[in-house]
Amino acid sequence: MNGLMILIPIALFLGFVGLAAFLWSMKNGQFEDLDGAAWRALDDD
């Protein structure tokens, strides 16, 4: 039971960190051009 008292707050903290990183990336436009990099890799310039 003592292990849960440590693991639950750590899991919640890591979940909030992941959510904050996702929201930060959405705010900074990381997901705006999903197909552009794939087409640039196939382009023969």
N, C-alpha and C. Protein backbone atom coordinates (compact mmCIF):
# COMPACT_ATOMS: atom_id res chain seq x y z
N MET A 1 0.82 -1.20 0.00
CA MET A 1 0.00 0.00 0.00
C MET A 1 0.86 1.26 0.00
N ASN A 2 2.03 1.17 0.64
CA ASN A 2 2.90 2.35 0.66
C ASN A 2 3.44 2.67 -0.73
N GLY A 3 3.60 1.64 -1.54
CA GLY A 3 4.08 1.87 -2.90
C GLY A 3 3.09 2.67 -3.72
N LEU A 4 1.80 2.44 -3.49
CA LEU A 4 0.78 3.20 -4.22
C LEU A 4 0.77 4.67 -3.84
N MET A 5 1.13 4.96 -2.60
CA MET A 5 1.18 6.36 -2.16
C MET A 5 2.29 7.12 -2.87
N ILE A 6 3.26 6.42 -3.41
CA ILE A 6 4.34 7.06 -4.16
C ILE A 6 4.05 7.00 -5.65
N LEU A 7 3.57 5.88 -6.14
CA LEU A 7 3.39 5.69 -7.58
C LEU A 7 2.23 6.49 -8.16
N ILE A 8 1.16 6.66 -7.44
CA ILE A 8 0.01 7.39 -7.97
C ILE A 8 0.35 8.86 -8.23
N PRO A 9 0.97 9.58 -7.28
CA PRO A 9 1.33 10.97 -7.60
C PRO A 9 2.37 11.08 -8.72
N ILE A 10 3.29 10.13 -8.80
CA ILE A 10 4.27 10.15 -9.89
C ILE A 10 3.57 9.94 -11.23
N ALA A 11 2.63 9.02 -11.28
CA ALA A 11 1.89 8.76 -12.52
C ALA A 11 1.06 9.98 -12.92
N LEU A 12 0.42 10.61 -11.97
CA LEU A 12 -0.37 11.81 -12.27
C LEU A 12 0.53 12.94 -12.75
N PHE A 13 1.68 13.11 -12.12
CA PHE A 13 2.62 14.15 -12.54
C PHE A 13 3.11 13.91 -13.96
N LEU A 14 3.47 12.67 -14.28
CA LEU A 14 3.94 12.36 -15.64
C LEU A 14 2.83 12.52 -16.66
N GLY A 15 1.60 12.22 -16.29
CA GLY A 15 0.47 12.43 -17.19
C GLY A 15 0.27 13.91 -17.48
N PHE A 16 0.38 14.75 -16.46
CA PHE A 16 0.24 16.19 -16.67
C PHE A 16 1.40 16.74 -17.49
N VAL A 17 2.60 16.21 -17.29
CA VAL A 17 3.75 16.66 -18.09
C VAL A 17 3.53 16.30 -19.56
N GLY A 18 3.04 15.09 -19.83
CA GLY A 18 2.75 14.69 -21.20
C GLY A 18 1.67 15.53 -21.83
N LEU A 19 0.63 15.84 -21.08
CA LEU A 19 -0.45 16.69 -21.58
C LEU A 19 0.07 18.10 -21.86
N ALA A 20 0.90 18.62 -20.98
CA ALA A 20 1.45 19.96 -21.19
C ALA A 20 2.35 19.99 -22.42
N ALA A 21 3.15 18.94 -22.63
CA ALA A 21 4.01 18.88 -23.82
C ALA A 21 3.17 18.81 -25.09
N PHE A 22 2.09 18.05 -25.06
CA PHE A 22 1.21 17.95 -26.22
C PHE A 22 0.54 19.29 -26.52
N LEU A 23 0.03 19.95 -25.50
CA LEU A 23 -0.62 21.24 -25.71
C LEU A 23 0.38 22.29 -26.19
N TRP A 24 1.61 22.24 -25.68
CA TRP A 24 2.65 23.16 -26.14
C TRP A 24 2.95 22.94 -27.62
N SER A 25 3.04 21.68 -28.02
CA SER A 25 3.34 21.39 -29.43
C SER A 25 2.18 21.80 -30.33
N MET A 26 0.96 21.66 -29.87
CA MET A 26 -0.18 22.11 -30.66
C MET A 26 -0.17 23.63 -30.80
N LYS A 27 0.19 24.33 -29.73
CA LYS A 27 0.22 25.79 -29.75
C LYS A 27 1.31 26.31 -30.69
N ASN A 28 2.41 25.61 -30.80
CA ASN A 28 3.53 26.06 -31.62
C ASN A 28 3.49 25.53 -33.04
N GLY A 29 2.41 24.86 -33.43
CA GLY A 29 2.22 24.47 -34.82
C GLY A 29 3.01 23.25 -35.27
N GLN A 30 3.30 22.33 -34.38
CA GLN A 30 4.06 21.15 -34.74
C GLN A 30 3.28 20.19 -35.63
N PHE A 31 1.96 20.26 -35.61
CA PHE A 31 1.14 19.32 -36.34
C PHE A 31 0.39 19.95 -37.51
N GLU A 32 0.85 21.09 -37.99
CA GLU A 32 0.12 21.78 -39.05
C GLU A 32 0.33 21.16 -40.42
N ASP A 33 1.53 20.72 -40.74
CA ASP A 33 1.83 20.19 -42.07
C ASP A 33 2.31 18.74 -41.94
N LEU A 34 1.37 17.82 -41.81
CA LEU A 34 1.74 16.43 -41.58
C LEU A 34 2.22 15.74 -42.85
N ASP A 35 1.71 16.14 -44.00
CA ASP A 35 2.08 15.48 -45.25
C ASP A 35 3.27 16.13 -45.94
N GLY A 36 3.64 17.31 -45.54
CA GLY A 36 4.71 18.03 -46.22
C GLY A 36 6.05 17.31 -46.14
N ALA A 37 6.42 16.80 -44.99
CA ALA A 37 7.70 16.12 -44.84
C ALA A 37 7.74 14.83 -45.65
N ALA A 38 6.64 14.14 -45.74
CA ALA A 38 6.59 12.90 -46.52
C ALA A 38 6.80 13.20 -48.00
N TRP A 39 6.18 14.26 -48.50
CA TRP A 39 6.34 14.60 -49.91
C TRP A 39 7.74 15.14 -50.20
N ARG A 40 8.30 15.88 -49.25
CA ARG A 40 9.67 16.38 -49.45
C ARG A 40 10.68 15.24 -49.49
N ALA A 41 10.44 14.17 -48.74
CA ALA A 41 11.35 13.03 -48.75
C ALA A 41 11.31 12.30 -50.10
N LEU A 42 10.16 12.33 -50.77
CA LEU A 42 10.02 11.65 -52.06
C LEU A 42 10.39 12.53 -53.25
N ASP A 43 10.54 13.82 -53.01
CA ASP A 43 10.86 14.75 -54.11
C ASP A 43 12.30 14.56 -54.55
N ASP A 44 12.53 14.64 -55.88
CA ASP A 44 13.85 14.38 -56.45
C ASP A 44 14.60 15.65 -56.84
N ASP A 45 14.49 16.70 -56.06
CA ASP A 45 15.19 17.94 -56.42
C ASP A 45 16.67 17.81 -56.32
